[in-house]
C-alpha atoms as a PDB file:
ATOM      1  CA  UNK A   1      -3.743  -1.025 -24.820  1.00  0.00           C
ATOM      2  CA  UNK A   2      -6.796  -0.305 -22.684  1.00  0.00           C
ATOM      3  CA  UNK A   3      -9.377   2.436 -22.397  1.00  0.00           C
ATOM      4  CA  UNK A   4      -8.892   4.151 -19.033  1.00  0.00           C
ATOM      5  CA  UNK A   5     -11.329   6.548 -17.421  1.00  0.00           C
ATOM      6  CA  UNK A   6      -9.425   9.026 -15.249  1.00  0.00           C
ATOM      7  CA  UNK A   7     -11.259  11.386 -12.902  1.00  0.00           C
ATOM      8  CA  UNK A   8      -9.373  14.070 -10.973  1.00  0.00           C
ATOM      9  CA  UNK A   9      -6.582  15.884 -12.813  1.00  0.00           C
ATOM     10  CA  UNK A  10      -5.059  18.042 -10.083  1.00  0.00           C
ATOM     11  CA  UNK A  11      -1.375  18.339  -9.220  1.00  0.00           C
ATOM     12  CA  UNK A  12      -1.065  14.589  -8.710  1.00  0.00           C
ATOM     13  CA  UNK A  13      -3.745  13.207 -11.014  1.00  0.00           C
ATOM     14  CA  UNK A  14      -2.622  15.227 -14.011  1.00  0.00           C
ATOM     15  CA  UNK A  15       0.832  13.653 -14.029  1.00  0.00           C
ATOM     16  CA  UNK A  16      -0.549  10.186 -13.402  1.00  0.00           C
ATOM     17  CA  UNK A  17      -3.003  10.421 -16.298  1.00  0.00           C
ATOM     18  CA  UNK A  18      -0.245  11.704 -18.558  1.00  0.00           C
ATOM     19  CA  UNK A  19       1.944   8.696 -17.805  1.00  0.00           C
ATOM     20  CA  UNK A  20      -0.884   6.306 -18.661  1.00  0.00           C
ATOM     21  CA  UNK A  21      -1.385   8.133 -21.975  1.00  0.00           C
ATOM     22  CA  UNK A  22       2.353   8.081 -22.705  1.00  0.00           C
ATOM     23  CA  UNK A  23       2.288   4.316 -22.185  1.00  0.00           C
ATOM     24  CA  UNK A  24      -0.232   4.048 -25.013  1.00  0.00           C
ATOM     25  CA  UNK A  25      -3.494   3.757 -23.088  1.00  0.00           C
ATOM     26  CA  UNK A  26      -6.624   5.491 -24.371  1.00  0.00           C
ATOM     27  CA  UNK A  27      -7.171   7.853 -21.428  1.00  0.00           C
ATOM     28  CA  UNK A  28     -10.572   9.548 -21.200  1.00  0.00           C
ATOM     29  CA  UNK A  29     -10.067  12.280 -18.613  1.00  0.00           C
ATOM     30  CA  UNK A  30     -12.444  14.458 -16.603  1.00  0.00           C
ATOM     31  CA  UNK A  31     -12.026  17.231 -14.060  1.00  0.00           C
ATOM     32  CA  UNK A  32     -14.157  20.179 -12.986  1.00  0.00           C
ATOM     33  CA  UNK A  33     -11.243  22.497 -13.828  1.00  0.00           C
ATOM     34  CA  UNK A  34     -11.041  23.665 -17.444  1.00  0.00           C
ATOM     35  CA  UNK A  35      -7.346  24.404 -16.975  1.00  0.00           C
ATOM     36  CA  UNK A  36      -6.686  20.847 -15.787  1.00  0.00           C
ATOM     37  CA  UNK A  37      -8.660  19.385 -18.686  1.00  0.00           C
ATOM     38  CA  UNK A  38      -6.770  21.494 -21.222  1.00  0.00           C
ATOM     39  CA  UNK A  39      -3.445  20.428 -19.730  1.00  0.00           C
ATOM     40  CA  UNK A  40      -4.474  16.771 -19.880  1.00  0.00           C
ATOM     41  CA  UNK A  41      -5.427  17.172 -23.547  1.00  0.00           C
ATOM     42  CA  UNK A  42      -2.050  18.686 -24.348  1.00  0.00           C
ATOM     43  CA  UNK A  43      -0.440  15.693 -22.652  1.00  0.00           C
ATOM     44  CA  UNK A  44      -2.209  13.083 -24.727  1.00  0.00           C
ATOM     45  CA  UNK A  45      -5.493  12.439 -22.894  1.00  0.00           C
ATOM     46  CA  UNK A  46      -8.934  12.749 -24.463  1.00  0.00           C
ATOM     47  CA  UNK A  47     -11.381  15.152 -22.830  1.00  0.00           C
ATOM     48  CA  UNK A  48     -14.600  13.746 -21.380  1.00  0.00           C
ATOM     49  CA  UNK A  49     -17.621  15.976 -20.782  1.00  0.00           C
ATOM     50  CA  UNK A  50     -18.456  14.285 -17.473  1.00  0.00           C
ATOM     51  CA  UNK A  51     -17.238  11.626 -15.078  1.00  0.00           C
ATOM     52  CA  UNK A  52     -19.864   9.252 -16.446  1.00  0.00           C
ATOM     53  CA  UNK A  53     -18.672   9.809 -19.999  1.00  0.00           C
ATOM     54  CA  UNK A  54     -15.070   9.203 -18.939  1.00  0.00           C
ATOM     55  CA  UNK A  55     -15.840   5.749 -17.528  1.00  0.00           C
ATOM     56  CA  UNK A  56     -18.353   4.543 -20.116  1.00  0.00           C
ATOM     57  CA  UNK A  57     -16.825   1.516 -21.888  1.00  0.00           C
ATOM     58  CA  UNK A  58     -13.677   1.810 -19.781  1.00  0.00           C
ATOM     59  CA  UNK A  59     -11.539  -1.229 -19.025  1.00  0.00           C
ATOM     60  CA  UNK A  60      -9.976   0.529 -16.047  1.00  0.00           C
ATOM     61  CA  UNK A  61     -10.985   3.523 -13.928  1.00  0.00           C
ATOM     62  CA  UNK A  62      -8.652   5.694 -11.834  1.00  0.00           C
ATOM     63  CA  UNK A  63      -9.889   8.365  -9.440  1.00  0.00           C
ATOM     64  CA  UNK A  64      -7.755  10.983  -7.681  1.00  0.00           C
ATOM     65  CA  UNK A  65     -10.070  13.148  -5.588  1.00  0.00           C
ATOM     66  CA  UNK A  66      -9.729  15.541  -2.619  1.00  0.00           C
ATOM     67  CA  UNK A  67     -11.671  13.783   0.149  1.00  0.00           C
ATOM     68  CA  UNK A  68     -13.853  10.851   1.111  1.00  0.00           C
ATOM     69  CA  UNK A  69     -17.109  12.662   0.380  1.00  0.00           C
ATOM     70  CA  UNK A  70     -15.986  13.311  -3.190  1.00  0.00           C
ATOM     71  CA  UNK A  71     -14.988   9.681  -3.674  1.00  0.00           C
ATOM     72  CA  UNK A  72     -18.356   8.485  -2.389  1.00  0.00           C
ATOM     73  CA  UNK A  73     -20.264  10.961  -4.578  1.00  0.00           C
ATOM     74  CA  UNK A  74     -18.354  10.174  -7.770  1.00  0.00           C
ATOM     75  CA  UNK A  75     -18.532   6.404  -7.386  1.00  0.00           C
ATOM     76  CA  UNK A  76     -22.192   6.330  -6.390  1.00  0.00           C
ATOM     77  CA  UNK A  77     -23.291   9.022  -8.824  1.00  0.00           C
ATOM     78  CA  UNK A  78     -21.141   8.492 -11.921  1.00  0.00           C
ATOM     79  CA  UNK A  79     -19.080   5.299 -11.920  1.00  0.00           C
ATOM     80  CA  UNK A  80     -21.017   2.389 -10.429  1.00  0.00           C
ATOM     81  CA  UNK A  81     -23.680   1.332 -12.885  1.00  0.00           C
ATOM     82  CA  UNK A  82     -22.062   3.322 -15.712  1.00  0.00           C
ATOM     83  CA  UNK A  83     -18.635   1.730 -16.077  1.00  0.00           C
ATOM     84  CA  UNK A  84     -18.735  -1.881 -17.283  1.00  0.00           C
ATOM     85  CA  UNK A  85     -18.584  -4.358 -14.393  1.00  0.00           C
ATOM     86  CA  UNK A  86     -15.557  -5.844 -16.150  1.00  0.00           C
ATOM     87  CA  UNK A  87     -13.552  -2.650 -15.421  1.00  0.00           C
ATOM     88  CA  UNK A  88     -11.010  -2.621 -12.596  1.00  0.00           C
ATOM     89  CA  UNK A  89     -11.634   0.370 -10.319  1.00  0.00           C
ATOM     90  CA  UNK A  90      -8.720   2.113  -8.597  1.00  0.00           C
ATOM     91  CA  UNK A  91      -9.184   4.956  -6.133  1.00  0.00           C
ATOM     92  CA  UNK A  92      -5.851   6.685  -5.570  1.00  0.00           C
ATOM     93  CA  UNK A  93      -7.217   9.456  -3.336  1.00  0.00           C
ATOM     94  CA  UNK A  94      -6.088   9.772   0.268  1.00  0.00           C
ATOM     95  CA  UNK A  95      -9.255   9.372   2.353  1.00  0.00           C
ATOM     96  CA  UNK A  96     -10.437   7.833   5.599  1.00  0.00           C
ATOM     97  CA  UNK A  97     -10.314   4.064   5.961  1.00  0.00           C
ATOM     98  CA  UNK A  98     -14.041   3.650   6.654  1.00  0.00           C
ATOM     99  CA  UNK A  99     -15.085   5.440   3.455  1.00  0.00           C
ATOM    100  CA  UNK A 100     -12.611   3.396   1.411  1.00  0.00           C
ATOM    101  CA  UNK A 101     -14.045   0.172   2.801  1.00  0.00           C
ATOM    102  CA  UNK A 102     -17.623   1.371   2.283  1.00  0.00           C
ATOM    103  CA  UNK A 103     -17.098   2.321  -1.374  1.00  0.00           C
ATOM    104  CA  UNK A 104     -15.248  -0.904  -2.160  1.00  0.00           C
ATOM    105  CA  UNK A 105     -17.984  -2.967  -0.500  1.00  0.00           C
ATOM    106  CA  UNK A 106     -20.632  -1.160  -2.551  1.00  0.00           C
ATOM    107  CA  UNK A 107     -18.634  -1.705  -5.746  1.00  0.00           C
ATOM    108  CA  UNK A 108     -18.185  -5.396  -4.976  1.00  0.00           C
ATOM    109  CA  UNK A 109     -21.907  -5.813  -4.285  1.00  0.00           C
ATOM    110  CA  UNK A 110     -22.533  -4.591  -7.831  1.00  0.00           C
ATOM    111  CA  UNK A 111     -20.029  -6.979  -9.385  1.00  0.00           C
ATOM    112  CA  UNK A 112     -16.946  -4.758  -9.639  1.00  0.00           C
ATOM    113  CA  UNK A 113     -13.363  -5.418  -8.597  1.00  0.00           C
ATOM    114  CA  UNK A 114     -11.900  -2.387  -6.801  1.00  0.00           C
ATOM    115  CA  UNK A 115      -8.840  -1.333  -4.828  1.00  0.00           C
ATOM    116  CA  UNK A 116      -7.883   1.636  -2.697  1.00  0.00           C
ATOM    117  CA  UNK A 117      -4.430   2.706  -3.852  1.00  0.00           C
ATOM    118  CA  UNK A 118      -3.218   5.961  -2.248  1.00  0.00           C
ATOM    119  CA  UNK A 119       0.203   7.226  -3.239  1.00  0.00           C
ATOM    120  CA  UNK A 120       3.385   8.592  -1.736  1.00  0.00           C
ATOM    121  CA  UNK A 121       5.972  10.679  -3.560  1.00  0.00           C
ATOM    122  CA  UNK A 122       4.565  14.107  -4.341  1.00  0.00           C
ATOM    123  CA  UNK A 123       4.076  16.060  -7.563  1.00  0.00           C
ATOM    124  CA  UNK A 124       7.521  15.348  -9.023  1.00  0.00           C
ATOM    125  CA  UNK A 125       7.040  11.605  -8.571  1.00  0.00           C
ATOM    126  CA  UNK A 126       3.559  11.791 -10.114  1.00  0.00           C
ATOM    127  CA  UNK A 127       5.025  13.464 -13.171  1.00  0.00           C
ATOM    128  CA  UNK A 128       8.004  11.110 -13.462  1.00  0.00           C
ATOM    129  CA  UNK A 129       6.021   7.926 -12.799  1.00  0.00           C
ATOM    130  CA  UNK A 130       7.939   7.088  -9.627  1.00  0.00           C
ATOM    131  CA  UNK A 131       5.143   7.071  -7.041  1.00  0.00           C
ATOM    132  CA  UNK A 132       4.756   4.428  -4.363  1.00  0.00           C
ATOM    133  CA  UNK A 133       1.305   2.823  -4.300  1.00  0.00           C
ATOM    134  CA  UNK A 134      -0.078   1.260  -1.127  1.00  0.00           C
ATOM    135  CA  UNK A 135      -2.909  -0.988  -2.278  1.00  0.00           C
ATOM    136  CA  UNK A 136      -5.864  -2.446  -0.406  1.00  0.00           C
ATOM    137  CA  UNK A 137      -8.209  -5.042  -1.873  1.00  0.00           C
ATOM    138  CA  UNK A 138      -8.433  -8.703  -2.789  1.00  0.00           C
ATOM    139  CA  UNK A 139      -5.457 -10.435  -4.384  1.00  0.00           C
ATOM    140  CA  UNK A 140      -7.438 -10.785  -7.602  1.00  0.00           C
ATOM    141  CA  UNK A 141      -8.263  -7.053  -7.707  1.00  0.00           C
ATOM    142  CA  UNK A 142      -4.656  -6.175  -6.881  1.00  0.00           C
ATOM    143  CA  UNK A 143      -3.417  -8.366  -9.721  1.00  0.00           C
ATOM    144  CA  UNK A 144      -5.705  -6.608 -12.175  1.00  0.00           C
ATOM    145  CA  UNK A 145      -4.772  -3.129 -10.934  1.00  0.00           C
ATOM    146  CA  UNK A 146      -1.024  -3.701 -10.761  1.00  0.00           C
ATOM    147  CA  UNK A 147      -0.222  -3.314 -14.497  1.00  0.00           C
ATOM    148  CA  UNK A 148      -1.783   0.162 -14.519  1.00  0.00           C
ATOM    149  CA  UNK A 149      -0.241   1.234 -11.222  1.00  0.00           C
ATOM    150  CA  UNK A 150       3.180   0.006 -12.389  1.00  0.00           C
ATOM    151  CA  UNK A 151       3.101   2.601 -15.173  1.00  0.00           C
ATOM    152  CA  UNK A 152       2.566   5.401 -12.659  1.00  0.00           C
ATOM    153  CA  UNK A 153       4.867   4.191  -9.894  1.00  0.00           C
ATOM    154  CA  UNK A 154       8.211   2.705  -8.949  1.00  0.00           C
ATOM    155  CA  UNK A 155       6.729   0.530  -6.201  1.00  0.00           C
ATOM    156  CA  UNK A 156       3.290  -1.092  -6.019  1.00  0.00           C
ATOM    157  CA  UNK A 157       2.731  -2.910  -2.723  1.00  0.00           C
ATOM    158  CA  UNK A 158      -0.284  -4.974  -1.691  1.00  0.00           C
ATOM    159  CA  UNK A 159      -1.009  -3.857   1.877  1.00  0.00           C
ATOM    160  CA  UNK A 160      -3.935  -6.208   2.557  1.00  0.00           C
ATOM    161  CA  UNK A 161      -7.714  -6.131   2.278  1.00  0.00           C
ATOM    162  CA  UNK A 162     -10.023  -3.215   1.487  1.00  0.00           C
ATOM    163  CA  UNK A 163      -8.907  -0.033   3.244  1.00  0.00           C
ATOM    164  CA  UNK A 164      -5.411  -1.346   3.980  1.00  0.00           C
ATOM    165  CA  UNK A 165      -3.900   1.026   1.431  1.00  0.00           C
ATOM    166  CA  UNK A 166      -5.422   4.002   3.217  1.00  0.00           C
ATOM    167  CA  UNK A 167      -4.288   2.662   6.597  1.00  0.00           C
ATOM    168  CA  UNK A 168      -0.716   2.353   5.328  1.00  0.00           C
ATOM    169  CA  UNK A 169      -0.791   5.828   3.782  1.00  0.00           C
ATOM    170  CA  UNK A 170      -2.017   7.670   6.861  1.00  0.00           C
ATOM    171  CA  UNK A 171       0.379   5.791   9.153  1.00  0.00           C
ATOM    172  CA  UNK A 172       3.271   6.593   6.797  1.00  0.00           C
ATOM    173  CA  UNK A 173       2.352  10.265   6.646  1.00  0.00           C
ATOM    174  CA  UNK A 174       1.849  10.522  10.382  1.00  0.00           C
ATOM    175  CA  UNK A 175       5.418   9.274  10.764  1.00  0.00           C
ATOM    176  CA  UNK A 176       6.637  11.676   8.077  1.00  0.00           C
ATOM    177  CA  UNK A 177       4.847  14.658   9.594  1.00  0.00           C
ATOM    178  CA  UNK A 178       6.127  13.988  13.106  1.00  0.00           C
ATOM    179  CA  UNK A 179       9.684  13.274  11.947  1.00  0.00           C
ATOM    180  CA  UNK A 180       9.784  16.499   9.918  1.00  0.00           C
ATOM    181  CA  UNK A 181       8.784  18.524  12.985  1.00  0.00           C
ATOM    182  CA  UNK A 182      11.541  16.805  14.988  1.00  0.00           C
ATOM    183  CA  UNK A 183      14.052  17.424  12.185  1.00  0.00           C
ATOM    184  CA  UNK A 184      13.136  21.109  12.000  1.00  0.00           C
ATOM    185  CA  UNK A 185      13.384  21.744  15.720  1.00  0.00           C
ATOM    186  CA  UNK A 186      16.691  19.871  15.842  1.00  0.00           C
ATOM    187  CA  UNK A 187      18.243  22.047  13.111  1.00  0.00           C
ATOM    188  CA  UNK A 188      17.012  25.186  14.870  1.00  0.00           C
ATOM    189  CA  UNK A 189      18.516  24.029  18.160  1.00  0.00           C
ATOM    190  CA  UNK A 190      21.799  23.063  16.475  1.00  0.00           C
ATOM    191  CA  UNK A 191      22.136  26.523  14.940  1.00  0.00           C
ATOM    192  CA  UNK A 192      21.323  28.261  18.216  1.00  0.00           C
ATOM    193  CA  UNK A 193      24.037  26.167  19.852  1.00  0.00           C
ATOM    194  CA  UNK A 194      26.502  27.471  17.267  1.00  0.00           C
ATOM    195  CA  UNK A 195      26.673  24.456  14.938  1.00  0.00           C
ATOM    196  CA  UNK A 196      26.977  25.088  11.206  1.00  0.00           C
ATOM    197  CA  UNK A 197      23.883  23.528   9.501  1.00  0.00           C
ATOM    198  CA  UNK A 198      25.937  21.746   6.831  1.00  0.00           C
ATOM    199  CA  UNK A 199      28.328  20.370   9.435  1.00  0.00           C
ATOM    200  CA  UNK A 200      25.451  19.141  11.556  1.00  0.00           C
ATOM    201  CA  UNK A 201      23.887  17.538   8.468  1.00  0.00           C
ATOM    202  CA  UNK A 202      27.171  15.816   7.605  1.00  0.00           C
ATOM    203  CA  UNK A 203      27.345  14.374  11.116  1.00  0.00           C
ATOM    204  CA  UNK A 204      23.735  13.455  11.827  1.00  0.00           C
ATOM    205  CA  UNK A 205      22.984  12.093   8.340  1.00  0.00           C
ATOM    206  CA  UNK A 206      25.601   9.422   9.047  1.00  0.00           C
ATOM    207  CA  UNK A 207      24.745   8.889  12.691  1.00  0.00           C
ATOM    208  CA  UNK A 208      21.853   7.355  14.595  1.00  0.00           C
ATOM    209  CA  UNK A 209      19.653  10.438  14.197  1.00  0.00           C
ATOM    210  CA  UNK A 210      19.443  10.210  10.424  1.00  0.00           C
ATOM    211  CA  UNK A 211      15.984   9.972   8.847  1.00  0.00           C
ATOM    212  CA  UNK A 212      14.353  10.652   5.476  1.00  0.00           C
ATOM    213  CA  UNK A 213      13.217  14.122   6.555  1.00  0.00           C
ATOM    214  CA  UNK A 214      16.869  15.025   7.040  1.00  0.00           C
ATOM    215  CA  UNK A 215      18.796  13.069   4.431  1.00  0.00           C
ATOM    216  CA  UNK A 216      16.375  13.335   1.489  1.00  0.00           C
ATOM    217  CA  UNK A 217      14.166  16.332   2.308  1.00  0.00           C
ATOM    218  CA  UNK A 218      16.229  18.633   4.478  1.00  0.00           C
ATOM    219  CA  UNK A 219      14.182  21.670   5.618  1.00  0.00           C
ATOM    220  CA  UNK A 220      17.250  23.969   5.640  1.00  0.00           C
ATOM    221  CA  UNK A 221      18.125  25.775   2.371  1.00  0.00           C
ATOM    222  CA  UNK A 222      21.468  24.871   0.829  1.00  0.00           C
ATOM    223  CA  UNK A 223      21.960  21.749   2.954  1.00  0.00           C
ATOM    224  CA  UNK A 224      21.798  18.232   1.539  1.00  0.00           C
ATOM    225  CA  UNK A 225      20.006  17.356  -1.722  1.00  0.00           C
ATOM    226  CA  UNK A 226      17.885  20.005  -3.444  1.00  0.00           C
ATOM    227  CA  UNK A 227      14.483  20.244  -1.746  1.00  0.00           C
ATOM    228  CA  UNK A 228      11.572  22.736  -1.615  1.00  0.00           C
ATOM    229  CA  UNK A 229      13.594  24.587   1.057  1.00  0.00           C
ATOM    230  CA  UNK A 230      15.865  25.715  -1.799  1.00  0.00           C
ATOM    231  CA  UNK A 231      12.840  27.169  -3.626  1.00  0.00           C
ATOM    232  CA  UNK A 232      11.464  29.206  -0.728  1.00  0.00           C
ATOM    233  CA  UNK A 233       9.413  26.137   0.225  1.00  0.00           C
ATOM    234  CA  UNK A 234       7.372  26.239  -2.995  1.00  0.00           C
ATOM    235  CA  UNK A 235       6.200  23.031  -4.635  1.00  0.00           C
ATOM    236  CA  UNK A 236       6.558  19.679  -2.923  1.00  0.00           C
ATOM    237  CA  UNK A 237       3.849  18.577  -0.471  1.00  0.00           C
ATOM    238  CA  UNK A 238       1.707  21.452   0.777  1.00  0.00           C
ATOM    239  CA  UNK A 239       1.327  21.942   4.511  1.00  0.00           C
ATOM    240  CA  UNK A 240      -2.457  21.943   4.032  1.00  0.00           C
ATOM    241  CA  UNK A 241      -2.254  18.417   2.630  1.00  0.00           C
ATOM    242  CA  UNK A 242      -0.026  17.276   5.470  1.00  0.00           C
ATOM    243  CA  UNK A 243      -2.564  18.662   7.935  1.00  0.00           C
ATOM    244  CA  UNK A 244      -5.326  16.768   6.108  1.00  0.00           C
ATOM    245  CA  UNK A 245      -3.368  13.512   6.410  1.00  0.00           C
ATOM    246  CA  UNK A 246      -2.522  14.132  10.062  1.00  0.00           C
ATOM    247  CA  UNK A 247      -6.214  14.713  10.800  1.00  0.00           C
ATOM    248  CA  UNK A 248      -7.078  11.454   9.018  1.00  0.00           C
ATOM    249  CA  UNK A 249      -4.465   9.662  11.119  1.00  0.00           C
ATOM    250  CA  UNK A 250      -5.864  11.104  14.347  1.00  0.00           C
ATOM    251  CA  UNK A 251      -9.402  10.152  13.311  1.00  0.00           C
ATOM    252  CA  UNK A 252      -8.217   6.603  12.624  1.00  0.00           C
ATOM    253  CA  UNK A 253      -6.355   6.468  15.934  1.00  0.00           C
ATOM    254  CA  UNK A 254      -9.468   7.470  17.854  1.00  0.00           C
ATOM    255  CA  UNK A 255     -11.535   4.843  16.035  1.00  0.00           C
ATOM    256  CA  UNK A 256      -9.288   2.041  17.319  1.00  0.00           C
ATOM    257  CA  UNK A 257      -8.331   3.667  20.649  1.00  0.00           C
ATOM    258  CA  UNK A 258      -4.646   3.976  19.725  1.00  0.00           C
ATOM    259  CA  UNK A 259      -2.452   6.331  21.775  1.00  0.00           C
ATOM    260  CA  UNK A 260      -0.578   8.709  19.431  1.00  0.00           C
ATOM    261  CA  UNK A 261       0.898  11.572  21.502  1.00  0.00           C
ATOM    262  CA  UNK A 262       3.590  12.512  18.949  1.00  0.00           C
ATOM    263  CA  UNK A 263       1.115  12.377  16.103  1.00  0.00           C
ATOM    264  CA  UNK A 264      -1.377  14.502  18.045  1.00  0.00           C
ATOM    265  CA  UNK A 265       1.210  17.167  18.791  1.00  0.00           C
ATOM    266  CA  UNK A 266       2.426  17.213  15.173  1.00  0.00           C
ATOM    267  CA  UNK A 267      -1.160  17.610  13.963  1.00  0.00           C
ATOM    268  CA  UNK A 268      -1.637  20.550  16.340  1.00  0.00           C
ATOM    269  CA  UNK A 269       1.559  22.199  15.075  1.00  0.00           C
ATOM    270  CA  UNK A 270       0.624  21.826  11.389  1.00  0.00           C
ATOM    271  CA  UNK A 271      -2.791  23.263  12.217  1.00  0.00           C
ATOM    272  CA  UNK A 272      -1.155  26.282  13.814  1.00  0.00           C
ATOM    273  CA  UNK A 273       1.209  26.681  10.848  1.00  0.00           C
ATOM    274  CA  UNK A 274      -1.698  26.575   8.401  1.00  0.00           C
ATOM    275  CA  UNK A 275      -3.570  29.182  10.449  1.00  0.00           C
ATOM    276  CA  UNK A 276      -0.520  31.465  10.288  1.00  0.00           C
ATOM    277  CA  UNK A 277      -0.616  31.427   6.485  1.00  0.00           C
ATOM    278  CA  UNK A 278       1.614  28.482   5.686  1.00  0.00           C
ATOM    279  CA  UNK A 279      -1.004  26.248   4.046  1.00  0.00           C
ATOM    280  CA  UNK A 280       0.348  26.726   0.516  1.00  0.00           C
ATOM    281  CA  UNK A 281       3.991  26.226   1.444  1.00  0.00           C
ATOM    282  CA  UNK A 282       5.747  22.869   1.547  1.00  0.00           C
ATOM    283  CA  UNK A 283       5.219  21.140   4.884  1.00  0.00           C
ATOM    284  CA  UNK A 284       8.941  21.451   5.691  1.00  0.00           C
ATOM    285  CA  UNK A 285       8.429  25.230   5.906  1.00  0.00           C
ATOM    286  CA  UNK A 286       7.137  24.601   9.428  1.00  0.00           C
ATOM    287  CA  UNK A 287      10.779  25.226  10.418  1.00  0.00           C
ATOM    288  CA  UNK A 288       9.991  28.918   9.985  1.00  0.00           C
ATOM    289  CA  UNK A 289       7.371  28.734  12.702  1.00  0.00           C
ATOM    290  CA  UNK A 290       9.642  26.728  14.983  1.00  0.00           C
ATOM    291  CA  UNK A 291      12.445  29.283  14.789  1.00  0.00           C
ATOM    292  CA  UNK A 292       9.949  32.156  15.280  1.00  0.00           C
ATOM    293  CA  UNK A 293      10.709  33.789  11.902  1.00  0.00           C
ATOM    294  CA  UNK A 294       7.398  32.937  10.234  1.00  0.00           C
ATOM    295  CA  UNK A 295       4.938  35.788   9.751  1.00  0.00           C
ATOM    296  CA  UNK A 296       1.351  35.476   8.550  1.00  0.00           C
ATOM    297  CA  UNK A 297       1.177  35.904   4.772  1.00  0.00           C
END
């Protein structure tokens, strides 16, 4: 088994680090949060006093950080030049494509192999080891990263060169965000037209309108499989994180002059929902704003 430096033990990173430890790896974990560090220790990781200490002598490094600026700071300030150049570096944060490419290029110039490997699946998948990884980097770097990512995920897919993982992630989440808005407004319309929500689900989930946001993540309580809607929209994927990903998608679209009218409107709607107090709720809770029942919290 390998020594793994793991930096970033939040809702997603904590579960990912735990799965690496359960698989027998020597996980040296670091986070700015004492609570997150204590939880990681209870789950089999060893506490590191700093990011640099976590990656010293590591054979693999995994980072799961909030934004591009944090990724740049941690790699330039604590990882590159401290971790052995023989270590495979894996950034699983969701950040902008340009920063991912920049950090990987810097790592490669110093002799490291690195991939960008953002995830899809949410907190439950992070804890159960069933995430989907979208990986950007060379084939050689992907091959070295894959055994570690396999432990944390059900699907590990090589998307292409540096930054391709981030491109795939933001495109996927733009589609998810827009389709959830469409699903929510459709259920609201169906109910106002007198259709029973379960009956509409039974019909549309087997007809041409079916999509993941309906069949697997229905925003209406008591309809379809159990989702955050059945827990008052707690847990799942926070609306604030969906807004972050939508903003990344719009930034990427502008950089390549791509016309994204549905994505732009969805981003505007999630921004409005966050401003109304919905940031901490699951993103499917936007149905409350669409049917005019949402009040600022």
